[in-house]
N, C-alpha and C. Protein backbone atom coordinates (compact mmCIF):
# COMPACT_ATOMS: atom_id res chain seq x y z
N MET A 1 51.17 -18.98 -15.42
CA MET A 1 50.33 -19.87 -15.20
C MET A 1 50.23 -20.83 -16.73
N GLN A 2 50.32 -21.99 -16.55
CA GLN A 2 50.17 -22.97 -17.94
C GLN A 2 48.64 -23.14 -17.96
N TRP A 3 47.99 -23.88 -19.12
CA TRP A 3 46.64 -24.32 -19.16
C TRP A 3 46.78 -25.18 -20.30
N LEU A 4 45.77 -26.09 -20.33
CA LEU A 4 45.30 -27.08 -21.39
C LEU A 4 45.75 -26.45 -22.74
N PRO A 5 45.79 -26.79 -23.65
CA PRO A 5 45.60 -26.06 -24.76
C PRO A 5 44.14 -25.41 -25.24
N ASP A 6 43.74 -24.60 -25.96
CA ASP A 6 42.49 -24.06 -25.85
C ASP A 6 41.69 -24.93 -26.76
N ASP A 7 41.82 -25.81 -27.65
CA ASP A 7 41.02 -26.71 -28.05
C ASP A 7 40.64 -27.79 -27.17
N GLU A 8 41.27 -28.30 -26.27
CA GLU A 8 41.20 -29.32 -25.02
C GLU A 8 40.26 -28.48 -24.07
N LEU A 9 40.67 -27.66 -23.64
CA LEU A 9 39.93 -26.63 -22.43
C LEU A 9 38.43 -26.90 -22.96
N MET A 10 38.29 -26.32 -24.55
CA MET A 10 36.87 -26.20 -25.05
C MET A 10 36.02 -27.50 -25.18
N VAL A 11 36.48 -28.89 -25.43
CA VAL A 11 36.06 -30.03 -24.89
C VAL A 11 35.64 -30.30 -23.64
N ILE A 12 36.21 -29.71 -22.63
CA ILE A 12 36.05 -30.44 -21.38
C ILE A 12 34.77 -29.46 -20.81
N PHE A 13 34.81 -28.24 -21.37
CA PHE A 13 33.69 -27.02 -21.12
C PHE A 13 32.38 -27.09 -21.84
N GLU A 14 32.81 -27.69 -23.16
CA GLU A 14 31.68 -27.85 -24.07
C GLU A 14 30.44 -29.18 -23.33
N ASN A 15 30.99 -30.15 -22.69
CA ASN A 15 30.44 -31.68 -22.53
C ASN A 15 29.59 -31.74 -21.35
N GLN A 16 28.75 -31.19 -21.01
CA GLN A 16 28.53 -30.76 -19.60
C GLN A 16 27.09 -32.23 -19.33
N SER A 17 26.48 -32.89 -20.29
CA SER A 17 25.40 -33.38 -19.87
C SER A 17 25.36 -34.43 -20.87
N GLY A 18 24.48 -35.56 -20.69
CA GLY A 18 24.40 -36.69 -21.31
C GLY A 18 25.21 -37.71 -21.47
N SER A 19 25.17 -38.28 -22.46
CA SER A 19 26.46 -39.44 -22.60
C SER A 19 27.95 -39.10 -22.41
N ASN A 20 28.04 -37.68 -22.98
CA ASN A 20 29.55 -37.00 -23.34
C ASN A 20 29.67 -36.35 -22.07
N CYS A 21 29.13 -36.25 -20.77
CA CYS A 21 29.40 -35.72 -19.71
C CYS A 21 30.95 -35.89 -18.97
N VAL A 22 31.46 -34.80 -19.11
CA VAL A 22 33.02 -34.93 -18.56
C VAL A 22 32.51 -34.65 -17.00
N ASP A 23 33.75 -35.33 -16.35
CA ASP A 23 33.99 -35.08 -14.84
C ASP A 23 35.20 -34.28 -15.00
N LYS A 24 34.82 -33.26 -14.42
CA LYS A 24 35.63 -32.30 -14.74
C LYS A 24 36.76 -32.08 -13.38
N SER A 25 36.26 -33.08 -12.36
CA SER A 25 36.85 -32.48 -11.17
C SER A 25 38.16 -33.97 -11.44
N ALA A 26 38.23 -34.87 -12.07
CA ALA A 26 38.91 -35.72 -12.65
C ALA A 26 40.17 -35.13 -13.90
N ARG A 27 40.06 -34.04 -13.81
CA ARG A 27 40.96 -33.40 -15.08
C ARG A 27 41.66 -32.30 -14.62
N ILE A 28 42.84 -31.88 -14.69
CA ILE A 28 43.82 -30.64 -14.46
C ILE A 28 43.74 -30.04 -15.30
N ILE A 29 43.22 -28.80 -15.54
CA ILE A 29 43.25 -27.58 -16.41
C ILE A 29 44.30 -26.51 -16.74
N GLY A 30 44.75 -26.49 -15.63
CA GLY A 30 46.07 -25.56 -15.62
C GLY A 30 46.91 -25.73 -14.18
N GLY A 31 48.21 -24.74 -14.02
CA GLY A 31 48.92 -24.84 -12.64
C GLY A 31 50.06 -23.83 -13.08
N ARG A 32 50.71 -24.20 -12.19
CA ARG A 32 52.00 -23.07 -12.33
C ARG A 32 52.95 -24.14 -10.91
N ALA A 33 54.31 -23.65 -11.41
CA ALA A 33 55.46 -23.96 -10.46
C ALA A 33 55.59 -22.45 -9.67
N ASN A 34 56.06 -22.92 -8.39
CA ASN A 34 56.08 -22.22 -7.33
C ASN A 34 57.50 -22.69 -6.94
N PHE A 35 58.32 -22.17 -7.30
CA PHE A 35 60.08 -22.59 -7.20
C PHE A 35 60.38 -22.01 -5.59
N LYS A 36 59.89 -20.85 -5.04
CA LYS A 36 60.15 -20.49 -3.80
C LYS A 36 59.42 -21.42 -2.43
N GLU A 37 58.81 -21.88 -3.09
CA GLU A 37 57.97 -23.00 -2.04
C GLU A 37 58.36 -24.57 -2.50
N GLU A 38 58.71 -24.54 -3.55
CA GLU A 38 59.14 -25.88 -4.47
C GLU A 38 58.20 -26.64 -4.68
N GLU A 39 56.83 -26.34 -4.88
CA GLU A 39 55.72 -27.03 -5.08
C GLU A 39 55.08 -26.38 -6.58
N LEU A 40 54.35 -27.66 -6.82
CA LEU A 40 53.50 -27.11 -8.24
C LEU A 40 52.03 -26.79 -7.58
N PHE A 41 51.28 -25.66 -8.18
CA PHE A 41 49.86 -25.53 -8.29
C PHE A 41 49.11 -26.09 -9.15
N PHE A 42 48.16 -26.67 -8.60
CA PHE A 42 47.24 -26.83 -10.02
C PHE A 42 45.59 -26.53 -9.58
N ILE A 43 45.04 -26.72 -11.08
CA ILE A 43 43.58 -26.12 -11.14
C ILE A 43 43.17 -27.45 -11.67
N LEU A 44 41.83 -27.70 -11.08
CA LEU A 44 41.27 -29.00 -11.57
C LEU A 44 39.93 -28.32 -12.40
N GLY A 45 39.60 -29.23 -13.11
CA GLY A 45 38.42 -28.37 -14.15
C GLY A 45 37.12 -27.98 -13.57
N ASN A 46 36.88 -28.51 -12.23
CA ASN A 46 35.82 -28.28 -11.60
C ASN A 46 36.28 -26.78 -10.62
N SER A 47 37.37 -26.23 -10.68
CA SER A 47 37.71 -25.19 -10.06
C SER A 47 38.14 -25.52 -8.48
N GLU A 48 38.45 -26.65 -8.19
CA GLU A 48 39.26 -26.83 -6.94
C GLU A 48 40.96 -26.51 -7.29
N THR A 49 42.01 -25.90 -6.33
CA THR A 49 43.20 -25.67 -6.28
C THR A 49 43.40 -27.05 -5.30
N GLY A 50 45.07 -26.95 -5.74
CA GLY A 50 45.45 -27.93 -4.57
C GLY A 50 47.57 -27.62 -4.86
N SER A 51 47.99 -28.06 -4.29
CA SER A 51 49.71 -28.08 -4.30
C SER A 51 50.24 -29.14 -4.09
N VAL A 52 51.34 -29.50 -4.98
CA VAL A 52 52.08 -31.03 -4.59
C VAL A 52 53.36 -30.61 -4.45
N PRO A 53 54.20 -31.01 -3.55
CA PRO A 53 55.55 -30.32 -3.53
C PRO A 53 56.24 -31.16 -4.76
N PHE A 54 57.55 -30.70 -5.21
CA PHE A 54 58.54 -30.55 -6.25
C PHE A 54 59.00 -32.12 -5.83
N SER A 55 58.95 -32.76 -4.48
CA SER A 55 59.76 -33.87 -4.07
C SER A 55 59.02 -35.20 -4.40
N TRP A 56 57.50 -34.95 -4.44
CA TRP A 56 56.86 -35.85 -4.48
C TRP A 56 57.21 -36.03 -6.07
N PHE A 57 57.27 -36.10 -6.85
CA PHE A 57 57.43 -35.85 -8.04
C PHE A 57 59.01 -36.51 -8.20
N ASN A 58 59.21 -37.77 -8.91
CA ASN A 58 60.23 -38.64 -8.99
C ASN A 58 61.13 -37.64 -10.38
N THR A 59 61.91 -36.76 -9.65
CA THR A 59 62.78 -35.72 -10.22
C THR A 59 63.72 -36.31 -11.42
N SER A 60 63.84 -37.40 -11.70
CA SER A 60 64.50 -38.61 -12.57
C SER A 60 63.83 -39.84 -12.45
N VAL A 61 63.29 -40.29 -13.89
CA VAL A 61 63.22 -41.38 -14.05
C VAL A 61 64.24 -42.22 -15.05
N GLY A 62 64.96 -42.78 -15.07
CA GLY A 62 65.98 -43.21 -15.76
C GLY A 62 67.02 -42.24 -16.57
N CYS A 63 66.71 -41.78 -17.60
CA CYS A 63 67.47 -40.35 -18.51
C CYS A 63 66.37 -39.24 -18.53
N ILE A 64 65.19 -39.65 -18.24
CA ILE A 64 63.74 -38.49 -17.84
C ILE A 64 64.23 -37.77 -17.13
N LYS A 65 64.37 -36.17 -16.83
CA LYS A 65 64.67 -35.65 -15.60
C LYS A 65 63.19 -34.47 -15.70
N SER A 66 62.84 -34.35 -14.75
CA SER A 66 61.55 -33.79 -14.61
C SER A 66 62.08 -32.11 -14.44
N ASP A 67 61.85 -31.14 -15.02
CA ASP A 67 62.11 -29.72 -15.35
C ASP A 67 60.61 -28.99 -14.83
N PHE A 68 60.91 -28.50 -13.99
CA PHE A 68 59.36 -27.74 -13.57
C PHE A 68 59.41 -26.53 -14.21
N SER A 69 60.36 -25.83 -14.58
CA SER A 69 60.30 -24.72 -15.53
C SER A 69 59.18 -24.88 -16.85
N LYS A 70 59.25 -26.29 -17.37
CA LYS A 70 58.60 -26.53 -18.45
C LYS A 70 57.19 -27.44 -17.99
N LEU A 71 56.54 -26.64 -17.60
CA LEU A 71 55.05 -27.58 -17.03
C LEU A 71 54.19 -27.08 -18.14
N GLY A 72 53.53 -28.59 -18.06
CA GLY A 72 52.19 -28.34 -18.90
C GLY A 72 51.39 -29.38 -19.04
N PHE A 73 50.48 -29.08 -19.67
CA PHE A 73 49.26 -30.21 -19.86
C PHE A 73 48.48 -30.85 -20.93
N THR A 74 48.36 -31.95 -20.96
CA THR A 74 47.82 -32.75 -22.58
C THR A 74 46.36 -33.27 -22.00
N ASP A 75 46.17 -33.87 -23.41
CA ASP A 75 45.54 -35.26 -22.97
C ASP A 75 44.20 -34.68 -22.34
N TYR A 76 43.41 -33.62 -22.76
CA TYR A 76 42.38 -33.53 -22.06
C TYR A 76 42.16 -33.68 -20.42
N GLY A 77 43.44 -32.91 -19.73
CA GLY A 77 43.59 -33.07 -18.19
C GLY A 77 44.21 -34.26 -17.86
N TYR A 78 44.14 -35.16 -18.76
CA TYR A 78 44.55 -36.47 -17.59
C TYR A 78 46.38 -36.24 -17.81
N VAL A 79 47.04 -35.96 -18.13
CA VAL A 79 48.40 -35.75 -18.46
C VAL A 79 49.04 -34.66 -17.91
N ILE A 80 50.51 -34.49 -16.95
CA ILE A 80 50.65 -33.52 -16.80
C ILE A 80 52.11 -33.74 -17.14
N VAL A 81 52.71 -32.35 -18.00
CA VAL A 81 54.22 -32.78 -18.40
C VAL A 81 55.35 -31.76 -17.74
N ILE A 82 55.85 -32.38 -17.41
CA ILE A 82 56.89 -31.48 -16.67
C ILE A 82 58.27 -31.96 -17.62
N GLY A 83 58.54 -31.10 -18.11
CA GLY A 83 60.00 -31.22 -19.01
C GLY A 83 59.64 -32.55 -19.90
N GLU A 84 60.30 -33.33 -20.01
CA GLU A 84 60.41 -34.49 -20.65
C GLU A 84 59.47 -35.84 -19.84
N HIS A 85 59.24 -35.50 -19.00
CA HIS A 85 58.75 -36.11 -17.73
C HIS A 85 57.06 -36.25 -17.76
N LYS A 86 56.22 -37.56 -17.89
CA LYS A 86 54.70 -37.39 -17.94
C LYS A 86 54.20 -37.79 -16.85
N VAL A 87 53.35 -37.52 -16.16
CA VAL A 87 52.46 -37.86 -14.67
C VAL A 87 50.97 -37.94 -15.25
N ALA A 88 50.22 -39.16 -15.04
CA ALA A 88 49.22 -39.22 -14.71
C ALA A 88 48.43 -38.10 -13.47
N SER A 89 47.34 -37.40 -14.04
CA SER A 89 47.01 -36.12 -13.48
C SER A 89 46.13 -36.99 -12.06
N ARG A 90 45.58 -37.98 -12.35
CA ARG A 90 44.65 -39.17 -11.50
C ARG A 90 45.84 -39.14 -10.15
N ASP A 91 47.11 -39.56 -10.16
CA ASP A 91 47.69 -39.56 -9.24
C ASP A 91 47.82 -38.64 -8.12
N VAL A 92 48.11 -37.14 -9.16
CA VAL A 92 47.85 -35.83 -8.58
C VAL A 92 46.79 -35.53 -8.12
N ILE A 93 45.64 -35.40 -8.66
CA ILE A 93 44.30 -35.41 -7.71
C ILE A 93 43.90 -35.88 -6.70
N LEU A 94 44.21 -37.34 -6.63
CA LEU A 94 44.39 -38.42 -5.59
C LEU A 94 45.30 -37.50 -4.78
N TYR A 95 46.38 -37.05 -4.66
CA TYR A 95 47.31 -36.37 -3.32
C TYR A 95 46.61 -35.18 -2.86
N ILE A 96 45.97 -34.46 -3.79
CA ILE A 96 45.30 -33.04 -3.38
C ILE A 96 44.19 -33.67 -2.55
N LYS A 97 43.60 -34.39 -3.45
CA LYS A 97 42.22 -34.71 -1.89
C LYS A 97 42.44 -35.29 -1.14
N ARG A 98 43.66 -36.20 -0.89
CA ARG A 98 43.70 -36.94 0.41
C ARG A 98 44.34 -35.79 1.23
N SER A 99 45.06 -34.95 1.04
CA SER A 99 45.60 -33.85 2.03
C SER A 99 44.77 -32.90 2.71
N LYS A 100 43.60 -32.66 1.38
CA LYS A 100 42.64 -32.08 2.20
C LYS A 100 41.99 -32.81 3.18
N ILE A 101 41.57 -33.94 3.21
CA ILE A 101 40.85 -34.95 3.45
C ILE A 101 41.15 -34.70 4.96
N LEU A 102 42.57 -35.04 5.24
CA LEU A 102 43.41 -35.13 6.32
C LEU A 102 43.73 -33.67 6.75
N GLU A 103 43.39 -32.69 6.03
CA GLU A 103 43.56 -31.43 6.93
C GLU A 103 42.05 -31.31 7.79
N GLU A 104 41.15 -31.83 7.01
CA GLU A 104 39.43 -31.37 7.77
C GLU A 104 39.45 -32.64 8.87
N LEU A 105 40.22 -33.90 8.75
CA LEU A 105 40.32 -34.70 10.02
C LEU A 105 40.54 -34.12 11.25
N SER A 106 42.02 -33.43 10.67
CA SER A 106 42.79 -32.79 11.70
C SER A 106 42.18 -31.64 12.29
N ALA A 107 41.52 -31.13 11.82
CA ALA A 107 40.85 -29.85 12.45
C ALA A 107 39.45 -30.09 13.17
N LEU A 108 39.00 -31.21 12.85
CA LEU A 108 37.61 -31.68 13.18
C LEU A 108 38.15 -32.58 14.61
N SER A 109 39.25 -33.32 14.90
CA SER A 109 40.02 -33.98 16.19
C SER A 109 40.22 -32.65 16.84
N GLN A 110 40.61 -32.17 16.22
CA GLN A 110 41.15 -30.88 17.16
C GLN A 110 39.96 -30.06 18.09
N GLU A 111 38.78 -29.90 17.08
CA GLU A 111 37.97 -29.27 17.75
C GLU A 111 36.67 -30.20 18.51
N LEU A 112 36.91 -31.31 18.40
CA LEU A 112 36.44 -32.47 19.25
C LEU A 112 37.17 -32.88 20.47
N GLY A 113 38.18 -32.17 20.53
CA GLY A 113 39.19 -32.59 21.67
C GLY A 113 39.76 -33.73 21.85
N LEU A 114 40.31 -34.19 20.47
CA LEU A 114 40.10 -36.02 20.50
C LEU A 114 41.88 -35.78 20.62
N TYR A 115 42.41 -34.68 20.29
CA TYR A 115 44.06 -34.93 20.75
C TYR A 115 44.49 -33.51 21.23
N GLY A 116 45.52 -33.80 22.20
CA GLY A 116 46.17 -32.43 22.90
C GLY A 116 45.14 -31.75 23.55
């Protein structure tokens, strides 16, 4: 499991009220690569979790390659580092939230008998 650097984690969890309030749901504080399932697992600052498949990431941007064995986090949870490749965490968080919403809608549709 990889985590944000300690000093960055402290800033996220110390600023909980007032004008310095940090939106923990907008930060990725840790994660790991699951090579068997070919996905990255993430933990958000508000303790939500989610996974994103390796294939979702551009595995090669120009001459920069994603190296999932070198996963890291920086910029107070706003940036995911995958080897030399850097990704905005907001895109990953949107993917995770979208996936959860679609799962909930699918379950609700089945419960209401809207499909099959």
